[in-house]
Amino acid sequence: MLVIAYMMLNCMKRKKIIFAFISNWAKLDITLVRLKQFQGAVDAARKANSLKTWKVVCFACVDAEEFLLAQICRMNIIIQVDDLEEVSDYYRNRGCFNELISLMESGLGL
């Protein structure tokens, strides 16, 4: 079991190198989330500049309780009302009520 986990980790590290080399930011982003390298995932999401990518990183950061990084992501998501609802539901379902309040307050400025 440990050998399989080690092999999967090495595979993810190789994917990280390949996706960075070919500038496939969306796939790099998912790989960095799986490696729990959230700061790098936020940087890749900036370069990908895709709503789907921002959501993947935001939700992964919330799950990992990396709320400062999640805040960066959510500001790129909540511009659309439908997306605001999805993000707020995600926070609410995980019991992150203080962060949800912060989300609403920061959304008022947009």
Protein backbone atom coordinates (compact mmCIF):
# COMPACT_ATOMS: atom_id res chain seq x y z
CA MET A 1 0.00 0.00 0.00
CA LEU A 2 2.82 2.39 0.88
CA VAL A 3 4.58 1.58 -2.38
CA ILE A 4 1.46 2.50 -4.37
CA ALA A 5 1.14 5.82 -2.55
CA TYR A 6 4.81 6.56 -3.23
CA MET A 7 4.38 5.74 -6.93
CA MET A 8 1.29 7.97 -7.17
CA LEU A 9 3.17 10.84 -5.52
CA ASN A 10 6.02 10.49 -8.00
CA CYS A 11 3.52 10.41 -10.86
CA MET A 12 1.92 13.64 -9.60
CA LYS A 13 5.33 15.30 -9.33
CA ARG A 14 6.10 14.32 -12.92
CA LYS A 15 2.74 15.68 -14.08
CA LYS A 16 3.52 18.93 -12.30
CA ILE A 17 6.75 19.32 -14.25
CA ILE A 18 5.15 18.43 -17.59
CA PHE A 19 2.11 20.68 -17.19
CA ALA A 20 4.28 23.60 -16.10
CA PHE A 21 6.59 23.05 -19.07
CA ILE A 22 3.76 23.00 -21.63
CA SER A 23 1.87 25.82 -19.88
CA ASN A 24 -1.27 23.76 -19.30
CA TRP A 25 -2.32 25.81 -16.28
CA ALA A 26 -5.70 24.14 -15.72
CA LYS A 27 -4.18 20.66 -15.46
CA LEU A 28 -1.23 21.97 -13.46
CA ASP A 29 -3.73 23.52 -11.11
CA ILE A 30 -5.51 20.21 -10.43
CA THR A 31 -2.17 18.45 -9.97
CA LEU A 32 -1.00 21.05 -7.44
CA VAL A 33 -4.27 20.70 -5.51
CA ARG A 34 -3.73 16.93 -5.32
CA LEU A 35 -0.19 17.56 -4.07
CA LYS A 36 -1.65 20.01 -1.51
CA GLN A 37 0.49 22.83 -2.91
CA PHE A 38 -2.27 25.40 -2.63
CA GLN A 39 -0.20 28.55 -3.17
CA GLY A 40 1.09 27.14 -6.43
CA ALA A 41 -2.45 26.14 -7.38
CA VAL A 42 -3.64 29.73 -6.85
CA ASP A 43 -0.79 30.99 -9.04
CA ALA A 44 -1.69 28.48 -11.76
CA ALA A 45 -5.37 29.47 -11.50
CA ARG A 46 -4.38 33.08 -12.16
CA LYS A 47 -2.62 32.00 -15.33
CA ALA A 48 -5.46 29.69 -16.41
CA ASN A 49 -8.00 32.44 -15.68
CA SER A 50 -10.91 30.02 -15.90
CA LEU A 51 -13.97 30.02 -13.67
CA LYS A 52 -13.88 26.23 -13.36
CA THR A 53 -10.23 26.34 -12.33
CA TRP A 54 -10.87 29.04 -9.74
CA LYS A 55 -13.68 26.94 -8.25
CA VAL A 56 -11.54 23.80 -8.01
CA VAL A 57 -8.81 25.69 -6.15
CA CYS A 58 -11.23 27.65 -3.97
CA PHE A 59 -13.09 24.55 -2.81
CA ALA A 60 -9.85 22.64 -2.20
CA CYS A 61 -8.51 25.55 -0.14
CA VAL A 62 -11.72 25.66 1.91
CA ASP A 63 -11.50 21.91 2.55
CA ALA A 64 -7.87 22.33 3.66
CA GLU A 65 -8.82 25.38 5.77
CA GLU A 66 -6.49 27.58 3.72
CA PHE A 67 -8.94 30.46 3.96
CA LEU A 68 -6.59 33.25 2.87
CA LEU A 69 -5.89 31.44 -0.39
CA ALA A 70 -9.58 30.60 -0.76
CA GLN A 71 -10.34 34.31 -0.41
CA ILE A 72 -8.10 35.11 -3.38
CA CYS A 73 -9.92 32.49 -5.44
CA ARG A 74 -13.43 33.43 -4.45
CA MET A 75 -12.95 37.07 -5.46
CA ASN A 76 -12.50 35.80 -9.01
CA ILE A 77 -15.65 33.67 -8.76
CA ILE A 78 -18.33 35.74 -7.06
CA ILE A 79 -18.65 38.31 -9.83
CA GLN A 80 -21.62 36.34 -11.20
CA VAL A 81 -24.66 35.90 -8.93
CA ASP A 82 -25.07 32.20 -9.76
CA ASP A 83 -21.48 31.54 -8.83
CA LEU A 84 -21.82 33.51 -5.61
CA GLU A 85 -24.65 31.20 -4.59
CA GLU A 86 -22.60 28.08 -5.33
CA VAL A 87 -19.60 29.33 -3.36
CA SER A 88 -21.72 30.47 -0.42
CA ASP A 89 -23.48 27.07 -0.33
CA TYR A 90 -20.08 25.36 -0.29
CA TYR A 91 -18.93 27.44 2.69
CA ARG A 92 -22.24 26.97 4.51
CA ASN A 93 -22.32 23.19 4.00
CA ARG A 94 -18.86 22.93 5.57
CA GLY A 95 -19.76 25.11 8.55
CA CYS A 96 -17.42 27.96 7.60
CA PHE A 97 -19.84 30.67 8.69
CA ASN A 98 -17.27 33.35 9.61
CA GLU A 99 -15.66 32.93 6.21
CA LEU A 100 -19.09 33.08 4.58
CA ILE A 101 -19.77 36.41 6.28
CA SER A 102 -16.40 37.65 5.06
CA LEU A 103 -17.31 36.45 1.57
CA MET A 104 -20.54 38.45 1.61
CA GLU A 105 -18.82 41.56 2.97
CA SER A 106 -16.07 41.42 0.36
CA GLY A 107 -18.67 40.84 -2.36
CA LEU A 108 -20.39 44.10 -1.48
CA GLY A 109 -17.38 46.01 -2.76
CA LEU A 110 -17.67 44.50 -6.24
